[in-house]
Amino acid sequence: MKQIPTELVPAFFLACALAAVLVPRSASAESRLAYPPTRTVDAKDVLHEVTVPDPYRWLEDASSPEVRRGRRRTTTSPAGSSESSRPARGSSRG
């Protein structure tokens, strides 16, 4: 493994410091995704004698009309593209 020449070490640290300062830490509140309101249910499971709430269990029924509507509404981006319009994994882009 090659070593970095000692005269380049200060430049390397300067580049790292600039990157740390210039790269944003987290997304602002405006740029975060806004999820649609979703109802919850009072469903619970008991796993190894521990009660675990599962308020979104109703979403597991993919054949439910309510779930289908919600999936259509959330998979379409504001630009009008959807997951189904992306090329399948492994397909050629040519």
C-alpha atoms as a PDB file:
ATOM      1  CA  MET A   1       0.000   0.000   0.000  1.00  0.00           C
ATOM      2  CA  LYS A   2       1.356   3.405  -0.976  1.00  0.00           C
ATOM      3  CA  GLN A   3       1.702   6.146   1.566  1.00  0.00           C
ATOM      4  CA  ILE A   4       0.549   9.696   0.998  1.00  0.00           C
ATOM      5  CA  PRO A   5       3.562  11.982   0.505  1.00  0.00           C
ATOM      6  CA  THR A   6       4.053  13.988   3.692  1.00  0.00           C
ATOM      7  CA  GLU A   7       3.870  17.310   1.824  1.00  0.00           C
ATOM      8  CA  LEU A   8       0.269  16.456   0.772  1.00  0.00           C
ATOM      9  CA  VAL A   9      -1.006  15.697   4.299  1.00  0.00           C
ATOM     10  CA  PRO A  10      -1.909  19.337   5.128  1.00  0.00           C
ATOM     11  CA  ALA A  11      -3.763  19.662   1.815  1.00  0.00           C
ATOM     12  CA  PHE A  12      -5.633  16.432   2.550  1.00  0.00           C
ATOM     13  CA  PHE A  13      -6.707  17.678   5.984  1.00  0.00           C
ATOM     14  CA  LEU A  14      -7.768  21.009   4.477  1.00  0.00           C
ATOM     15  CA  ALA A  15      -9.887  19.197   1.877  1.00  0.00           C
ATOM     16  CA  CYS A  16     -11.517  17.080   4.610  1.00  0.00           C
ATOM     17  CA  ALA A  17     -12.241  20.163   6.728  1.00  0.00           C
ATOM     18  CA  LEU A  18     -13.790  21.999   3.782  1.00  0.00           C
ATOM     19  CA  ALA A  19     -15.935  18.991   2.925  1.00  0.00           C
ATOM     20  CA  ALA A  20     -17.144  18.766   6.525  1.00  0.00           C
ATOM     21  CA  VAL A  21     -18.125  22.441   6.497  1.00  0.00           C
ATOM     22  CA  LEU A  22     -19.653  22.607   3.021  1.00  0.00           C
ATOM     23  CA  VAL A  23     -21.655  19.368   2.973  1.00  0.00           C
ATOM     24  CA  PRO A  24     -25.116  19.861   4.520  1.00  0.00           C
ATOM     25  CA  ARG A  25     -25.695  17.851   7.688  1.00  0.00           C
ATOM     26  CA  SER A  26     -29.385  17.073   7.235  1.00  0.00           C
ATOM     27  CA  ALA A  27     -32.300  17.969   5.037  1.00  0.00           C
ATOM     28  CA  SER A  28     -34.316  21.009   6.015  1.00  0.00           C
ATOM     29  CA  ALA A  29     -37.954  20.640   7.000  1.00  0.00           C
ATOM     30  CA  GLU A  30     -39.123  22.005   3.621  1.00  0.00           C
ATOM     31  CA  SER A  31     -37.192  19.440   1.583  1.00  0.00           C
ATOM     32  CA  ARG A  32     -38.390  16.372   3.508  1.00  0.00           C
ATOM     33  CA  LEU A  33     -41.089  14.167   2.054  1.00  0.00           C
ATOM     34  CA  ALA A  34     -44.618  14.907   3.181  1.00  0.00           C
ATOM     35  CA  TYR A  35     -46.407  11.613   3.771  1.00  0.00           C
ATOM     36  CA  PRO A  36     -50.204  11.527   3.463  1.00  0.00           C
ATOM     37  CA  PRO A  37     -52.198  11.028   6.643  1.00  0.00           C
ATOM     38  CA  THR A  38     -52.747   7.344   7.362  1.00  0.00           C
ATOM     39  CA  ARG A  39     -55.271   5.851   9.704  1.00  0.00           C
ATOM     40  CA  THR A  40     -54.207   3.537  12.503  1.00  0.00           C
ATOM     41  CA  VAL A  41     -55.930   0.587  14.152  1.00  0.00           C
ATOM     42  CA  ASP A  42     -55.703  -0.849  17.636  1.00  0.00           C
ATOM     43  CA  ALA A  43     -53.965  -4.121  16.698  1.00  0.00           C
ATOM     44  CA  LYS A  44     -51.437  -5.803  18.962  1.00  0.00           C
ATOM     45  CA  ASP A  45     -49.284  -8.910  18.836  1.00  0.00           C
ATOM     46  CA  VAL A  46     -47.786 -10.805  21.746  1.00  0.00           C
ATOM     47  CA  LEU A  47     -44.252 -11.927  20.966  1.00  0.00           C
ATOM     48  CA  HIS A  48     -42.345 -13.817  23.645  1.00  0.00           C
ATOM     49  CA  GLU A  49     -44.733 -12.496  26.294  1.00  0.00           C
ATOM     50  CA  VAL A  50     -44.214  -8.884  25.136  1.00  0.00           C
ATOM     51  CA  THR A  51     -47.155  -6.927  23.713  1.00  0.00           C
ATOM     52  CA  VAL A  52     -46.140  -5.134  20.513  1.00  0.00           C
ATOM     53  CA  PRO A  53     -48.508  -2.573  18.944  1.00  0.00           C
ATOM     54  CA  ASP A  54     -49.091  -2.879  15.181  1.00  0.00           C
ATOM     55  CA  PRO A  55     -51.145   0.218  14.253  1.00  0.00           C
ATOM     56  CA  TYR A  56     -50.548  -0.186  10.501  1.00  0.00           C
ATOM     57  CA  ARG A  57     -51.463  -3.871  10.208  1.00  0.00           C
ATOM     58  CA  TRP A  58     -54.360  -3.045   7.895  1.00  0.00           C
ATOM     59  CA  LEU A  59     -51.780  -1.958   5.284  1.00  0.00           C
ATOM     60  CA  GLU A  60     -50.603  -5.577   4.991  1.00  0.00           C
ATOM     61  CA  ASP A  61     -53.770  -6.504   3.074  1.00  0.00           C
ATOM     62  CA  ALA A  62     -52.567  -5.618  -0.448  1.00  0.00           C
ATOM     63  CA  SER A  63     -55.906  -6.624  -1.994  1.00  0.00           C
ATOM     64  CA  SER A  64     -57.836  -4.055   0.059  1.00  0.00           C
ATOM     65  CA  PRO A  65     -59.279  -1.217  -2.090  1.00  0.00           C
ATOM     66  CA  GLU A  66     -58.135   1.331   0.504  1.00  0.00           C
ATOM     67  CA  VAL A  67     -54.551   0.036   0.353  1.00  0.00           C
ATOM     68  CA  ARG A  68     -54.574   0.034  -3.461  1.00  0.00           C
ATOM     69  CA  ARG A  69     -55.776   3.649  -3.553  1.00  0.00           C
ATOM     70  CA  GLY A  70     -53.107   4.698  -1.089  1.00  0.00           C
ATOM     71  CA  ARG A  71     -50.383   2.853  -2.957  1.00  0.00           C
ATOM     72  CA  ARG A  72     -51.378   4.529  -6.234  1.00  0.00           C
ATOM     73  CA  ARG A  73     -51.428   7.917  -4.533  1.00  0.00           C
ATOM     74  CA  THR A  74     -47.997   7.541  -2.883  1.00  0.00           C
ATOM     75  CA  THR A  75     -46.077   5.827  -5.710  1.00  0.00           C
ATOM     76  CA  THR A  76     -46.767   8.617  -8.178  1.00  0.00           C
ATOM     77  CA  SER A  77     -44.279  11.411  -7.705  1.00  0.00           C
ATOM     78  CA  PRO A  78     -45.207  15.088  -8.103  1.00  0.00           C
ATOM     79  CA  ALA A  79     -43.449  15.060 -11.490  1.00  0.00           C
ATOM     80  CA  GLY A  80     -45.862  12.406 -12.707  1.00  0.00           C
ATOM     81  CA  SER A  81     -43.445   9.486 -12.907  1.00  0.00           C
ATOM     82  CA  SER A  82     -44.097   6.277 -11.031  1.00  0.00           C
ATOM     83  CA  GLU A  83     -42.158   3.229  -9.932  1.00  0.00           C
ATOM     84  CA  SER A  84     -43.585   1.237 -12.826  1.00  0.00           C
ATOM     85  CA  SER A  85     -42.078   3.628 -15.371  1.00  0.00           C
ATOM     86  CA  ARG A  86     -38.527   2.856 -14.222  1.00  0.00           C
ATOM     87  CA  PRO A  87     -36.613   0.222 -16.177  1.00  0.00           C
ATOM     88  CA  ALA A  88     -36.625  -3.212 -14.593  1.00  0.00           C
ATOM     89  CA  ARG A  89     -33.465  -4.305 -12.838  1.00  0.00           C
ATOM     90  CA  GLY A  90     -31.145  -5.979 -15.304  1.00  0.00           C
ATOM     91  CA  SER A  91     -32.781  -4.494 -18.403  1.00  0.00           C
ATOM     92  CA  SER A  92     -30.626  -2.689 -20.920  1.00  0.00           C
ATOM     93  CA  ARG A  93     -30.786   1.077 -21.051  1.00  0.00           C
ATOM     94  CA  GLY A  94     -29.671   1.302 -24.707  1.00  0.00           C
END
